[in-house]
Amino acid sequence: MTDPTPERKNSISKPLIAFVALYMIVCSGLALKQGNTEFLMYAVVMLVFIAIVHALHRAIHFTPTALWLLAIWGFLHMCGGTVPVDPSLTDAYRAASAEADRPTSAVLYSLRIHPDFPKYDQIVHTFGFFSATIACFQALVTLLNAPRAVPTAIAAALMGIGLGAINEVIEFIAVLSMPETNVGGYMNTAWDLVANTIGATCAGYLSLLLYKNDDFQEDA
């Protein structure tokens, strides 16, 4: 296989750039229209995250698969805080003992279609830190020449779980900074950490299957 030039490796596809720009503009506009200060803050955090991924990509040369996974995670996250849903499909509505206590509005992050199903929030956490762990595995292989073996997969999964913990710290800062947020309490944080761990563990295992040959690694 012919090695891609550095310019080719560092390039990010125009459809990917357009996808990210479009959802950032639309969802930020929705948050502004709704007066959703929490998600306006998260939009700023997303811009920082995008800048960090771009800087890392110049050194790591993430595969298109990893970049698209991260971009889709961003899309699910931004939609989660801005897209309205039927409040009757939320835990807060089901738990309310009086009509006056039931929420009159809700967003995707609060959605739980059935009491026995995971929340949208937990699905996004699982997918998000699955994606982050895939990127971490590529970083270890590229920057440290780590072998594509079980120890590297475990290290990548632990990195993904660590990034998940940082995410919870950011959410805690939001709780301290703003009077009303959609972050949730202790149980929500605990389930988020469980979802992060599931996603990171699955990605660590899958990385061993996907990156065991050079062809996939060089698909960037």
N, C-alpha and C. Protein backbone atom coordinates (compact mmCIF):
# COMPACT_ATOMS: atom_id res chain seq x y z
N MET A 1 0.85 -1.19 0.00
CA MET A 1 0.00 0.00 0.00
C MET A 1 0.88 1.23 0.00
N THR A 2 0.54 2.22 -0.80
CA THR A 2 1.30 3.46 -0.87
C THR A 2 0.95 4.32 0.33
N ASP A 3 1.98 4.83 1.02
CA ASP A 3 1.72 5.67 2.18
C ASP A 3 1.11 6.99 1.75
N PRO A 4 0.05 7.44 2.43
CA PRO A 4 -0.53 8.73 2.12
C PRO A 4 0.46 9.84 2.44
N THR A 5 0.41 10.95 1.71
CA THR A 5 1.27 12.08 2.01
C THR A 5 0.82 12.70 3.31
N PRO A 6 1.69 13.51 3.98
CA PRO A 6 1.28 14.15 5.23
C PRO A 6 0.05 15.02 5.05
N GLU A 7 -0.03 15.71 3.88
CA GLU A 7 -1.18 16.56 3.63
C GLU A 7 -2.45 15.72 3.57
N ARG A 8 -2.37 14.56 2.93
CA ARG A 8 -3.54 13.69 2.82
C ARG A 8 -3.94 13.16 4.20
N LYS A 9 -2.94 12.80 4.99
CA LYS A 9 -3.24 12.26 6.32
C LYS A 9 -3.88 13.31 7.21
N ASN A 10 -3.42 14.58 7.10
CA ASN A 10 -3.92 15.63 7.97
C ASN A 10 -5.25 16.19 7.51
N SER A 11 -5.66 15.89 6.28
CA SER A 11 -6.88 16.49 5.75
C SER A 11 -8.11 15.88 6.43
N ILE A 12 -9.12 16.72 6.57
CA ILE A 12 -10.42 16.29 7.09
C ILE A 12 -11.43 16.52 5.99
N SER A 13 -12.25 15.54 5.71
CA SER A 13 -13.14 15.62 4.57
C SER A 13 -14.11 16.79 4.70
N LYS A 14 -14.43 17.40 3.55
CA LYS A 14 -15.35 18.53 3.54
C LYS A 14 -16.75 18.15 4.04
N PRO A 15 -17.27 16.96 3.67
CA PRO A 15 -18.58 16.58 4.24
C PRO A 15 -18.57 16.54 5.76
N LEU A 16 -17.48 16.07 6.37
CA LEU A 16 -17.38 16.02 7.82
C LEU A 16 -17.37 17.43 8.41
N ILE A 17 -16.60 18.32 7.80
CA ILE A 17 -16.54 19.71 8.27
C ILE A 17 -17.91 20.36 8.16
N ALA A 18 -18.58 20.14 7.02
CA ALA A 18 -19.91 20.73 6.81
C ALA A 18 -20.92 20.19 7.83
N PHE A 19 -20.85 18.89 8.11
CA PHE A 19 -21.76 18.26 9.07
C PHE A 19 -21.61 18.88 10.45
N VAL A 20 -20.36 19.02 10.90
CA VAL A 20 -20.11 19.58 12.23
C VAL A 20 -20.53 21.05 12.29
N ALA A 21 -20.16 21.81 11.26
CA ALA A 21 -20.52 23.24 11.25
C ALA A 21 -22.03 23.43 11.26
N LEU A 22 -22.74 22.60 10.49
CA LEU A 22 -24.19 22.73 10.39
C LEU A 22 -24.87 22.47 11.73
N TYR A 23 -24.52 21.36 12.39
CA TYR A 23 -25.22 21.07 13.63
C TYR A 23 -24.82 22.03 14.75
N MET A 24 -23.58 22.52 14.73
CA MET A 24 -23.19 23.50 15.74
C MET A 24 -23.98 24.79 15.58
N ILE A 25 -24.15 25.24 14.35
CA ILE A 25 -24.89 26.48 14.09
C ILE A 25 -26.36 26.31 14.45
N VAL A 26 -26.98 25.22 13.97
CA VAL A 26 -28.41 25.00 14.20
C VAL A 26 -28.70 24.81 15.69
N CYS A 27 -27.95 23.96 16.36
CA CYS A 27 -28.22 23.66 17.77
C CYS A 27 -27.89 24.86 18.67
N SER A 28 -26.84 25.60 18.35
CA SER A 28 -26.52 26.80 19.13
C SER A 28 -27.61 27.84 18.95
N GLY A 29 -28.13 27.95 17.72
CA GLY A 29 -29.25 28.86 17.48
C GLY A 29 -30.49 28.47 18.27
N LEU A 30 -30.76 27.17 18.33
CA LEU A 30 -31.90 26.68 19.12
C LEU A 30 -31.72 26.99 20.61
N ALA A 31 -30.52 26.76 21.11
CA ALA A 31 -30.24 27.04 22.52
C ALA A 31 -30.41 28.52 22.83
N LEU A 32 -29.96 29.37 21.91
CA LEU A 32 -30.10 30.81 22.10
C LEU A 32 -31.56 31.22 22.09
N LYS A 33 -32.32 30.67 21.16
CA LYS A 33 -33.75 30.98 21.05
C LYS A 33 -34.50 30.53 22.30
N GLN A 34 -34.11 29.38 22.86
CA GLN A 34 -34.77 28.83 24.04
C GLN A 34 -34.31 29.49 25.34
N GLY A 35 -33.27 30.33 25.25
CA GLY A 35 -32.69 30.90 26.45
C GLY A 35 -31.99 29.86 27.29
N ASN A 36 -31.45 28.83 26.63
CA ASN A 36 -30.83 27.69 27.31
C ASN A 36 -29.35 28.02 27.58
N THR A 37 -29.10 28.69 28.70
CA THR A 37 -27.73 29.12 29.01
C THR A 37 -26.81 27.93 29.27
N GLU A 38 -27.36 26.84 29.82
CA GLU A 38 -26.54 25.65 30.06
C GLU A 38 -25.95 25.15 28.76
N PHE A 39 -26.79 25.06 27.73
CA PHE A 39 -26.26 24.49 26.50
C PHE A 39 -25.47 25.47 25.66
N LEU A 40 -25.65 26.75 25.90
CA LEU A 40 -24.76 27.73 25.28
C LEU A 40 -23.35 27.55 25.83
N MET A 41 -23.26 27.23 27.14
CA MET A 41 -21.95 26.94 27.73
C MET A 41 -21.35 25.69 27.12
N TYR A 42 -22.20 24.65 26.94
CA TYR A 42 -21.71 23.42 26.34
C TYR A 42 -21.29 23.62 24.89
N ALA A 43 -21.93 24.56 24.20
CA ALA A 43 -21.54 24.86 22.82
C ALA A 43 -20.11 25.42 22.79
N VAL A 44 -19.80 26.25 23.78
CA VAL A 44 -18.43 26.79 23.88
C VAL A 44 -17.45 25.66 24.18
N VAL A 45 -17.84 24.76 25.08
CA VAL A 45 -17.00 23.61 25.40
C VAL A 45 -16.80 22.75 24.15
N MET A 46 -17.84 22.61 23.35
CA MET A 46 -17.73 21.84 22.10
C MET A 46 -16.73 22.46 21.15
N LEU A 47 -16.72 23.79 21.05
CA LEU A 47 -15.76 24.46 20.18
C LEU A 47 -14.33 24.20 20.64
N VAL A 48 -14.13 24.20 21.96
CA VAL A 48 -12.80 23.87 22.51
C VAL A 48 -12.45 22.42 22.18
N PHE A 49 -13.42 21.53 22.34
CA PHE A 49 -13.21 20.11 22.04
C PHE A 49 -12.85 19.91 20.57
N ILE A 50 -13.56 20.60 19.68
CA ILE A 50 -13.28 20.50 18.24
C ILE A 50 -11.86 20.97 17.94
N ALA A 51 -11.45 22.07 18.58
CA ALA A 51 -10.10 22.59 18.36
C ALA A 51 -9.04 21.60 18.85
N ILE A 52 -9.32 20.94 19.98
CA ILE A 52 -8.37 19.96 20.53
C ILE A 52 -8.26 18.75 19.59
N VAL A 53 -9.40 18.27 19.11
CA VAL A 53 -9.38 17.13 18.18
C VAL A 53 -8.61 17.48 16.92
N HIS A 54 -8.82 18.69 16.41
CA HIS A 54 -8.11 19.11 15.19
C HIS A 54 -6.60 19.15 15.43
N ALA A 55 -6.19 19.68 16.59
CA ALA A 55 -4.77 19.73 16.92
C ALA A 55 -4.18 18.33 17.07
N LEU A 56 -4.91 17.45 17.75
CA LEU A 56 -4.43 16.07 17.91
C LEU A 56 -4.36 15.34 16.58
N HIS A 57 -5.31 15.63 15.71
CA HIS A 57 -5.34 14.96 14.40
C HIS A 57 -4.07 15.24 13.60
N ARG A 58 -3.51 16.42 13.76
CA ARG A 58 -2.28 16.77 13.02
C ARG A 58 -1.12 15.87 13.44
N ALA A 59 -1.15 15.40 14.69
CA ALA A 59 -0.07 14.53 15.17
C ALA A 59 -0.41 13.05 15.05
N ILE A 60 -1.70 12.72 15.24
CA ILE A 60 -2.10 11.32 15.31
C ILE A 60 -2.61 10.78 13.97
N HIS A 61 -3.18 11.65 13.14
CA HIS A 61 -3.79 11.24 11.87
C HIS A 61 -4.91 10.23 12.12
N PHE A 62 -5.93 10.69 12.85
CA PHE A 62 -7.07 9.81 13.11
C PHE A 62 -7.65 9.29 11.80
N THR A 63 -8.15 8.06 11.82
CA THR A 63 -8.82 7.53 10.64
C THR A 63 -10.15 8.25 10.44
N PRO A 64 -10.68 8.24 9.22
CA PRO A 64 -12.01 8.82 9.00
C PRO A 64 -13.07 8.22 9.91
N THR A 65 -12.94 6.92 10.18
CA THR A 65 -13.90 6.28 11.08
C THR A 65 -13.91 6.95 12.44
N ALA A 66 -12.73 7.17 13.01
CA ALA A 66 -12.63 7.81 14.33
C ALA A 66 -13.18 9.24 14.29
N LEU A 67 -12.84 9.97 13.25
CA LEU A 67 -13.31 11.35 13.14
C LEU A 67 -14.83 11.42 13.02
N TRP A 68 -15.40 10.54 12.22
CA TRP A 68 -16.86 10.53 12.06
C TRP A 68 -17.55 10.10 13.36
N LEU A 69 -16.98 9.14 14.07
CA LEU A 69 -17.54 8.74 15.36
C LEU A 69 -17.58 9.93 16.32
N LEU A 70 -16.48 10.68 16.39
CA LEU A 70 -16.42 11.84 17.27
C LEU A 70 -17.41 12.91 16.83
N ALA A 71 -17.53 13.09 15.51
CA ALA A 71 -18.46 14.10 14.99
C ALA A 71 -19.91 13.73 15.30
N ILE A 72 -20.24 12.46 15.14
CA ILE A 72 -21.61 12.00 15.43
C ILE A 72 -21.90 12.13 16.91
N TRP A 73 -20.92 11.84 17.75
CA TRP A 73 -21.08 12.04 19.19
C TRP A 73 -21.44 13.50 19.48
N GLY A 74 -20.71 14.42 18.85
CA GLY A 74 -21.00 15.84 19.04
C GLY A 74 -22.42 16.19 18.60
N PHE A 75 -22.86 15.60 17.50
CA PHE A 75 -24.22 15.83 17.00
C PHE A 75 -25.26 15.34 18.01
N LEU A 76 -25.08 14.12 18.51
CA LEU A 76 -26.02 13.56 19.48
C LEU A 76 -26.05 14.40 20.76
N HIS A 77 -24.87 14.89 21.16
CA HIS A 77 -24.78 15.73 22.35
C HIS A 77 -25.52 17.05 22.17
N MET A 78 -25.26 17.74 21.06
CA MET A 78 -25.89 19.03 20.84
C MET A 78 -27.41 18.90 20.67
N CYS A 79 -27.84 17.85 19.99
CA CYS A 79 -29.28 17.61 19.86
C CYS A 79 -29.91 17.29 21.22
N GLY A 80 -29.15 16.58 22.05
CA GLY A 80 -29.67 16.16 23.34
C GLY A 80 -30.13 17.30 24.22
N GLY A 81 -29.46 18.43 24.13
CA GLY A 81 -29.81 19.55 24.99
C GLY A 81 -30.72 20.58 24.35
N THR A 82 -31.06 20.41 23.08
CA THR A 82 -31.83 21.45 22.40
C THR A 82 -33.10 20.97 21.71
N VAL A 83 -33.18 19.69 21.36
CA VAL A 83 -34.35 19.18 20.63
C VAL A 83 -35.46 18.84 21.62
N PRO A 84 -36.63 19.46 21.51
CA PRO A 84 -37.72 19.19 22.46
C PRO A 84 -38.37 17.83 22.23
N VAL A 85 -38.83 17.22 23.32
CA VAL A 85 -39.55 15.94 23.26
C VAL A 85 -40.79 16.03 24.14
N ASP A 86 -41.65 15.05 24.02
CA ASP A 86 -42.84 14.96 24.85
C ASP A 86 -42.44 14.75 26.31
N PRO A 87 -42.78 15.68 27.22
CA PRO A 87 -42.36 15.53 28.63
C PRO A 87 -42.91 14.29 29.31
N SER A 88 -43.99 13.70 28.77
CA SER A 88 -44.55 12.50 29.39
C SER A 88 -43.63 11.30 29.24
N LEU A 89 -42.60 11.43 28.40
CA LEU A 89 -41.65 10.35 28.19
C LEU A 89 -40.37 10.56 28.99
N THR A 90 -40.51 11.22 30.13
CA THR A 90 -39.35 11.49 30.98
C THR A 90 -39.56 10.92 32.38
N ASP A 91 -38.47 10.69 33.10
CA ASP A 91 -38.55 10.18 34.47
C ASP A 91 -39.24 11.18 35.39
N ALA A 92 -38.96 12.47 35.18
CA ALA A 92 -39.54 13.49 36.05
C ALA A 92 -41.07 13.51 35.95
N TYR A 93 -41.58 13.31 34.76
CA TYR A 93 -43.04 13.29 34.56
C TYR A 93 -43.64 12.06 35.23
N ARG A 94 -43.01 10.92 35.05
CA ARG A 94 -43.55 9.67 35.61
C ARG A 94 -43.50 9.69 37.14
N ALA A 95 -42.46 10.34 37.69
CA ALA A 95 -42.28 10.33 39.14
C ALA A 95 -43.15 11.37 39.85
N ALA A 96 -43.67 12.35 39.11
CA ALA A 96 -44.46 13.42 39.73
C ALA A 96 -45.76 12.87 40.32
N SER A 97 -46.02 13.23 41.57
CA SER A 97 -47.23 12.74 42.25
C SER A 97 -48.44 13.63 42.00
N ALA A 98 -48.18 14.87 41.59
CA ALA A 98 -49.26 15.81 41.33
C ALA A 98 -49.11 16.42 39.95
N GLU A 99 -50.20 16.79 39.36
CA GLU A 99 -50.18 17.38 38.02
C GLU A 99 -49.31 18.63 37.97
N ALA A 100 -49.37 19.41 39.04
CA ALA A 100 -48.60 20.65 39.08
C ALA A 100 -47.09 20.41 39.08
N ASP A 101 -46.67 19.22 39.52
CA ASP A 101 -45.24 18.90 39.60
C ASP A 101 -44.69 18.34 38.29
N ARG A 102 -45.57 18.05 37.35
CA ARG A 102 -45.12 17.45 36.10
C ARG A 102 -44.50 18.50 35.18
N PRO A 103 -43.37 18.19 34.58
CA PRO A 103 -42.75 19.15 33.66
C PRO A 103 -43.61 19.38 32.43
N THR A 104 -43.58 20.61 31.94
CA THR A 104 -44.37 20.94 30.74
C THR A 104 -43.52 20.95 29.49
N SER A 105 -42.21 20.80 29.65
CA SER A 105 -41.31 20.73 28.50
C SER A 105 -40.12 19.86 28.85
N ALA A 106 -39.47 19.34 27.83
CA ALA A 106 -38.30 18.48 28.04
C ALA A 106 -37.48 18.43 26.77
N VAL A 107 -36.24 18.01 26.90
CA VAL A 107 -35.35 17.85 25.74
C VAL A 107 -34.90 16.39 25.65
N LEU A 108 -34.25 16.08 24.54
CA LEU A 108 -33.86 14.70 24.26
C LEU A 108 -33.07 14.05 25.40
N TYR A 109 -32.22 14.82 26.06
CA TYR A 109 -31.40 14.22 27.11
C TYR A 109 -32.24 13.62 28.25
N SER A 110 -33.48 14.07 28.41
CA SER A 110 -34.34 13.55 29.46
C SER A 110 -35.21 12.38 28.98
N LEU A 111 -35.12 12.06 27.71
CA LEU A 111 -36.01 11.06 27.12
C LEU A 111 -35.70 9.64 27.61
N ARG A 112 -36.76 8.97 28.08
CA ARG A 112 -36.69 7.54 28.37
C ARG A 112 -38.01 6.96 27.87
N ILE A 113 -37.97 6.29 26.73
CA ILE A 113 -39.20 5.84 26.07
C ILE A 113 -40.01 4.92 26.96
N HIS A 114 -39.31 4.08 27.72
CA HIS A 114 -39.99 3.14 28.63
C HIS A 114 -39.17 3.07 29.92
N PRO A 115 -39.81 2.92 31.06
CA PRO A 115 -39.06 2.89 32.33
C PRO A 115 -37.95 1.85 32.37
N ASP A 116 -38.09 0.77 31.60
CA ASP A 116 -37.07 -0.28 31.62
C ASP A 116 -35.97 -0.06 30.59
N PHE A 117 -36.07 0.98 29.78
CA PHE A 117 -35.08 1.26 28.76
C PHE A 117 -34.09 2.32 29.27
N PRO A 118 -32.88 2.35 28.71
CA PRO A 118 -31.94 3.41 29.10
C PRO A 118 -32.40 4.77 28.61
N LYS A 119 -31.96 5.81 29.29
CA LYS A 119 -32.25 7.17 28.84
C LYS A 119 -31.41 7.50 27.61
N TYR A 120 -31.89 8.45 26.84
CA TYR A 120 -31.10 8.97 25.71
C TYR A 120 -29.73 9.40 26.20
N ASP A 121 -29.67 10.05 27.34
CA ASP A 121 -28.42 10.52 27.93
C ASP A 121 -27.42 9.37 28.09
N GLN A 122 -27.89 8.25 28.59
CA GLN A 122 -27.01 7.10 28.83
C GLN A 122 -26.53 6.48 27.52
N ILE A 123 -27.40 6.48 26.51
CA ILE A 123 -27.01 5.98 25.19
C ILE A 123 -25.91 6.85 24.60
N VAL A 124 -26.06 8.16 24.74
CA VAL A 124 -25.05 9.09 24.21
C VAL A 124 -23.74 8.92 24.96
N HIS A 125 -23.79 8.73 26.27
CA HIS A 125 -22.57 8.50 27.04
C HIS A 125 -21.86 7.23 26.57
N THR A 126 -22.62 6.17 26.36
CA THR A 126 -22.02 4.91 25.90
C THR A 126 -21.37 5.09 24.54
N PHE A 127 -22.11 5.68 23.60
CA PHE A 127 -21.56 5.90 22.26
C PHE A 127 -20.38 6.87 22.29
N GLY A 128 -20.51 7.92 23.09
CA GLY A 128 -19.48 8.95 23.11
C GLY A 128 -18.14 8.44 23.59
N PHE A 129 -18.15 7.70 24.68
CA PHE A 129 -16.87 7.25 25.21
C PHE A 129 -16.39 5.96 24.56
N PHE A 130 -17.26 5.31 23.82
CA PHE A 130 -16.83 4.30 22.85
C PHE A 130 -15.98 4.98 21.78
N SER A 131 -16.50 6.09 21.24
CA SER A 131 -15.79 6.83 20.20
C SER A 131 -14.47 7.39 20.71
N ALA A 132 -14.49 7.94 21.92
CA ALA A 132 -13.27 8.51 22.50
C ALA A 132 -12.20 7.43 22.70
N THR A 133 -12.62 6.23 23.08
CA THR A 133 -11.67 5.15 23.31
C THR A 133 -11.04 4.66 21.99
N ILE A 134 -11.85 4.63 20.93
CA ILE A 134 -11.29 4.30 19.61
C ILE A 134 -10.18 5.29 19.26
N ALA A 135 -10.45 6.58 19.51
CA ALA A 135 -9.44 7.62 19.23
C ALA A 135 -8.22 7.45 20.13
N CYS A 136 -8.45 7.10 21.41
CA CYS A 136 -7.33 6.90 22.34
C CYS A 136 -6.44 5.73 21.90
N PHE A 137 -7.06 4.66 21.41
CA PHE A 137 -6.29 3.51 20.94
C PHE A 137 -5.38 3.93 19.76
N GLN A 138 -5.95 4.69 18.84
CA GLN A 138 -5.15 5.17 17.70
C GLN A 138 -4.01 6.06 18.18
N ALA A 139 -4.29 6.90 19.20
CA ALA A 139 -3.25 7.79 19.72
C ALA A 139 -2.10 6.99 20.33
N LEU A 140 -2.42 5.95 21.09
CA LEU A 140 -1.38 5.12 21.71
C LEU A 140 -0.52 4.42 20.66
N VAL A 141 -1.18 3.89 19.63
CA VAL A 141 -0.45 3.18 18.58
C VAL A 141 0.44 4.13 17.79
N THR A 142 -0.06 5.32 17.49
CA THR A 142 0.67 6.26 16.65
C THR A 142 1.77 6.99 17.40
N LEU A 143 1.45 7.53 18.57
CA LEU A 143 2.39 8.38 19.29
C LEU A 143 3.41 7.59 20.11
N LEU A 144 2.99 6.45 20.64
CA LEU A 144 3.88 5.68 21.51
C LEU A 144 4.35 4.37 20.90
N ASN A 145 3.94 4.12 19.65
CA ASN A 145 4.26 2.84 19.01
C ASN A 145 3.81 1.66 19.86
N ALA A 146 2.70 1.84 20.54
CA ALA A 146 2.18 0.76 21.38
C ALA A 146 1.73 -0.40 20.51
N PRO A 147 1.98 -1.63 20.95
CA PRO A 147 1.55 -2.78 20.15
C PRO A 147 0.04 -2.88 20.11
N ARG A 148 -0.49 -3.39 19.03
CA ARG A 148 -1.94 -3.58 18.92
C ARG A 148 -2.31 -4.88 19.64
N ALA A 149 -2.29 -4.78 20.95
CA ALA A 149 -2.46 -5.96 21.79
C ALA A 149 -3.35 -5.61 22.98
N VAL A 150 -3.63 -6.62 23.78
CA VAL A 150 -4.55 -6.45 24.90
C VAL A 150 -4.14 -5.33 25.86
N PRO A 151 -2.85 -5.22 26.26
CA PRO A 151 -2.49 -4.12 27.18
C PRO A 151 -2.83 -2.74 26.62
N THR A 152 -2.63 -2.56 25.32
CA THR A 152 -2.94 -1.27 24.70
C THR A 152 -4.45 -1.02 24.70
N ALA A 153 -5.21 -2.06 24.44
CA ALA A 153 -6.68 -1.93 24.46
C ALA A 153 -7.16 -1.57 25.86
N ILE A 154 -6.55 -2.19 26.89
CA ILE A 154 -6.93 -1.88 28.27
C ILE A 154 -6.57 -0.43 28.61
N ALA A 155 -5.37 -0.01 28.19
CA ALA A 155 -4.95 1.37 28.44
C ALA A 155 -5.89 2.36 27.76
N ALA A 156 -6.28 2.06 26.52
CA ALA A 156 -7.20 2.94 25.80
C ALA A 156 -8.55 3.02 26.50
N ALA A 157 -9.04 1.87 26.97
CA ALA A 157 -10.33 1.85 27.68
C ALA A 157 -10.25 2.68 28.96
N LEU A 158 -9.14 2.56 29.69
CA LEU A 158 -8.98 3.35 30.91
C LEU A 158 -8.89 4.84 30.59
N MET A 159 -8.26 5.18 29.48
CA MET A 159 -8.22 6.58 29.05
C MET A 159 -9.63 7.08 28.74
N GLY A 160 -10.41 6.25 28.06
CA GLY A 160 -11.78 6.63 27.74
C GLY A 160 -12.61 6.84 29.00
N ILE A 161 -12.43 5.95 29.98
CA ILE A 161 -13.16 6.08 31.25
C ILE A 161 -12.71 7.36 31.97
N GLY A 162 -11.42 7.66 31.90
CA GLY A 162 -10.91 8.90 32.51
C GLY A 162 -11.50 10.14 31.86
N LEU A 163 -11.62 10.13 30.54
CA LEU A 163 -12.25 11.25 29.85
C LEU A 163 -13.71 11.38 30.27
N GLY A 164 -14.35 10.24 30.52
CA GLY A 164 -15.73 10.26 31.00
C GLY A 164 -15.83 10.94 32.36
N ALA A 165 -14.84 10.69 33.22
CA ALA A 165 -14.83 11.34 34.55
C ALA A 165 -14.65 12.84 34.40
N ILE A 166 -13.80 13.26 33.46
CA ILE A 166 -13.62 14.69 33.21
C ILE A 166 -14.93 15.32 32.76
N ASN A 167 -15.68 14.59 31.93
CA ASN A 167 -16.99 15.08 31.49
C ASN A 167 -17.91 15.33 32.68
N GLU A 168 -17.88 14.43 33.67
CA GLU A 168 -18.71 14.61 34.85
C GLU A 168 -18.28 15.83 35.66
N VAL A 169 -16.98 16.12 35.67
CA VAL A 169 -16.48 17.33 36.34
C VAL A 169 -17.03 18.58 35.65
N ILE A 170 -17.04 18.55 34.30
CA ILE A 170 -17.59 19.69 33.55
C ILE A 170 -19.07 19.88 33.88
N GLU A 171 -19.80 18.76 33.98
CA GLU A 171 -21.21 18.86 34.33
C GLU A 171 -21.38 19.40 35.76
N PHE A 172 -20.48 19.02 36.66
CA PHE A 172 -20.54 19.53 38.03
C PHE A 172 -20.29 21.03 38.06
N ILE A 173 -19.37 21.50 37.23
CA ILE A 173 -19.12 22.94 37.14
C ILE A 173 -20.37 23.67 36.66
N ALA A 174 -21.09 23.04 35.70
CA ALA A 174 -22.33 23.63 35.21
C ALA A 174 -23.35 23.75 36.35
N VAL A 175 -23.44 22.71 37.18
CA VAL A 175 -24.38 22.73 38.31
C VAL A 175 -24.04 23.86 39.28
N LEU A 176 -22.74 24.06 39.53
CA LEU A 176 -22.31 25.11 40.46
C LEU A 176 -22.47 26.50 39.87
N SER A 177 -22.39 26.60 38.55
CA SER A 177 -22.37 27.90 37.90
C SER A 177 -23.75 28.43 37.55
N MET A 178 -24.72 27.53 37.35
CA MET A 178 -26.04 27.95 36.88
C MET A 178 -27.13 27.46 37.82
N PRO A 179 -28.17 28.28 38.02
CA PRO A 179 -29.23 27.89 38.96
C PRO A 179 -30.03 26.67 38.53
N GLU A 180 -30.23 26.48 37.23
CA GLU A 180 -31.00 25.35 36.74
C GLU A 180 -30.25 24.66 35.61
N THR A 181 -30.09 23.34 35.74
CA THR A 181 -29.45 22.55 34.69
C THR A 181 -30.23 21.27 34.50
N ASN A 182 -29.89 20.54 33.43
CA ASN A 182 -30.53 19.24 33.18
C ASN A 182 -29.56 18.10 33.48
N VAL A 183 -28.60 18.37 34.38
CA VAL A 183 -27.55 17.40 34.66
C VAL A 183 -28.07 16.21 35.45
N GLY A 184 -28.91 16.46 36.45
CA GLY A 184 -29.39 15.35 37.28
C GLY A 184 -28.57 15.20 38.54
N GLY A 185 -28.95 14.24 39.39
CA GLY A 185 -28.30 14.07 40.68
C GLY A 185 -27.30 12.93 40.70
N TYR A 186 -27.09 12.39 41.92
CA TYR A 186 -26.07 11.37 42.14
C TYR A 186 -26.31 10.12 41.29
N MET A 187 -27.56 9.66 41.25
CA MET A 187 -27.86 8.45 40.48
C MET A 187 -27.59 8.66 38.99
N ASN A 188 -27.91 9.85 38.51
CA ASN A 188 -27.65 10.16 37.11
C ASN A 188 -26.15 10.10 36.81
N THR A 189 -25.36 10.69 37.72
CA THR A 189 -23.89 10.66 37.54
C THR A 189 -23.37 9.23 37.57
N ALA A 190 -23.90 8.43 38.49
CA ALA A 190 -23.45 7.04 38.61
C ALA A 190 -23.77 6.25 37.33
N TRP A 191 -24.99 6.43 36.82
CA TRP A 191 -25.35 5.73 35.59
C TRP A 191 -24.54 6.24 34.39
N ASP A 192 -24.22 7.52 34.38
CA ASP A 192 -23.35 8.06 33.33
C ASP A 192 -21.99 7.36 33.35
N LEU A 193 -21.44 7.18 34.54
CA LEU A 193 -20.13 6.53 34.67
C LEU A 193 -20.21 5.07 34.23
N VAL A 194 -21.32 4.41 34.55
CA VAL A 194 -21.51 3.03 34.09
C VAL A 194 -21.57 2.98 32.57
N ALA A 195 -22.34 3.90 31.97
CA ALA A 195 -22.46 3.95 30.51
C ALA A 195 -21.10 4.24 29.87
N ASN A 196 -20.35 5.17 30.47
CA ASN A 196 -19.00 5.47 29.95
C ASN A 196 -18.13 4.22 29.96
N THR A 197 -18.19 3.47 31.05
CA THR A 197 -17.36 2.27 31.19
C THR A 197 -17.75 1.20 30.17
N ILE A 198 -19.05 1.03 29.95
CA ILE A 198 -19.50 0.06 28.96
C ILE A 198 -19.00 0.44 27.57
N GLY A 199 -19.17 1.71 27.21
CA GLY A 199 -18.72 2.16 25.90
C GLY A 199 -17.23 2.01 25.71
N ALA A 200 -16.45 2.41 26.72
CA ALA A 200 -14.99 2.34 26.63
C ALA A 200 -14.52 0.89 26.55
N THR A 201 -15.13 0.01 27.33
CA THR A 201 -14.74 -1.41 27.33
C THR A 201 -15.02 -2.05 25.97
N CYS A 202 -16.19 -1.77 25.42
CA CYS A 202 -16.54 -2.33 24.10
C CYS A 202 -15.57 -1.82 23.03
N ALA A 203 -15.22 -0.55 23.12
CA ALA A 203 -14.30 0.02 22.12
C ALA A 203 -12.90 -0.56 22.25
N GLY A 204 -12.46 -0.80 23.49
CA GLY A 204 -11.16 -1.42 23.68
C GLY A 204 -11.09 -2.79 23.04
N TYR A 205 -12.15 -3.57 23.21
CA TYR A 205 -12.20 -4.90 22.60
C TYR A 205 -12.28 -4.79 21.08
N LEU A 206 -13.13 -3.90 20.58
CA LEU A 206 -13.29 -3.77 19.14
C LEU A 206 -12.02 -3.28 18.47
N SER A 207 -11.27 -2.45 19.18
CA SER A 207 -10.01 -1.94 18.62
C SER A 207 -9.06 -3.07 18.26
N LEU A 208 -9.04 -4.10 19.10
CA LEU A 208 -8.17 -5.24 18.82
C LEU A 208 -8.56 -5.93 17.51
N LEU A 209 -9.86 -5.93 17.21
CA LEU A 209 -10.33 -6.57 15.99
C LEU A 209 -10.10 -5.71 14.76
N LEU A 210 -10.30 -4.39 14.91
CA LEU A 210 -10.24 -3.49 13.76
C LEU A 210 -8.82 -3.05 13.40
N TYR A 211 -7.95 -2.94 14.40
CA TYR A 211 -6.64 -2.37 14.15
C TYR A 211 -5.51 -3.41 14.18
N LYS A 212 -5.87 -4.66 13.98
CA LYS A 212 -4.83 -5.68 14.04
C LYS A 212 -4.03 -5.77 12.74
N ASN A 213 -4.48 -5.05 11.69
CA ASN A 213 -3.69 -5.01 10.47
C ASN A 213 -3.47 -3.57 10.07
N ASP A 214 -2.40 -3.32 9.31
CA ASP A 214 -2.01 -1.97 8.94
C ASP A 214 -3.00 -1.30 8.00
N ASP A 215 -3.74 -2.07 7.23
CA ASP A 215 -4.62 -1.48 6.23
C ASP A 215 -5.66 -0.57 6.87
N PHE A 216 -6.27 -1.02 7.96
CA PHE A 216 -7.31 -0.22 8.57
C PHE A 216 -6.69 1.05 9.18
N GLN A 217 -5.55 0.90 9.82
CA GLN A 217 -4.91 2.04 10.47
C GLN A 217 -4.58 3.14 9.46
N GLU A 218 -4.27 2.77 8.22
CA GLU A 218 -3.84 3.76 7.25
C GLU A 218 -4.97 4.23 6.37
N ASP A 219 -6.21 3.93 6.77
CA ASP A 219 -7.30 4.33 5.92
C ASP A 219 -7.57 5.84 5.95
N ALA A 220 -6.82 6.57 6.81
CA ALA A 220 -6.90 8.04 6.80
C ALA A 220 -6.22 8.60 5.59
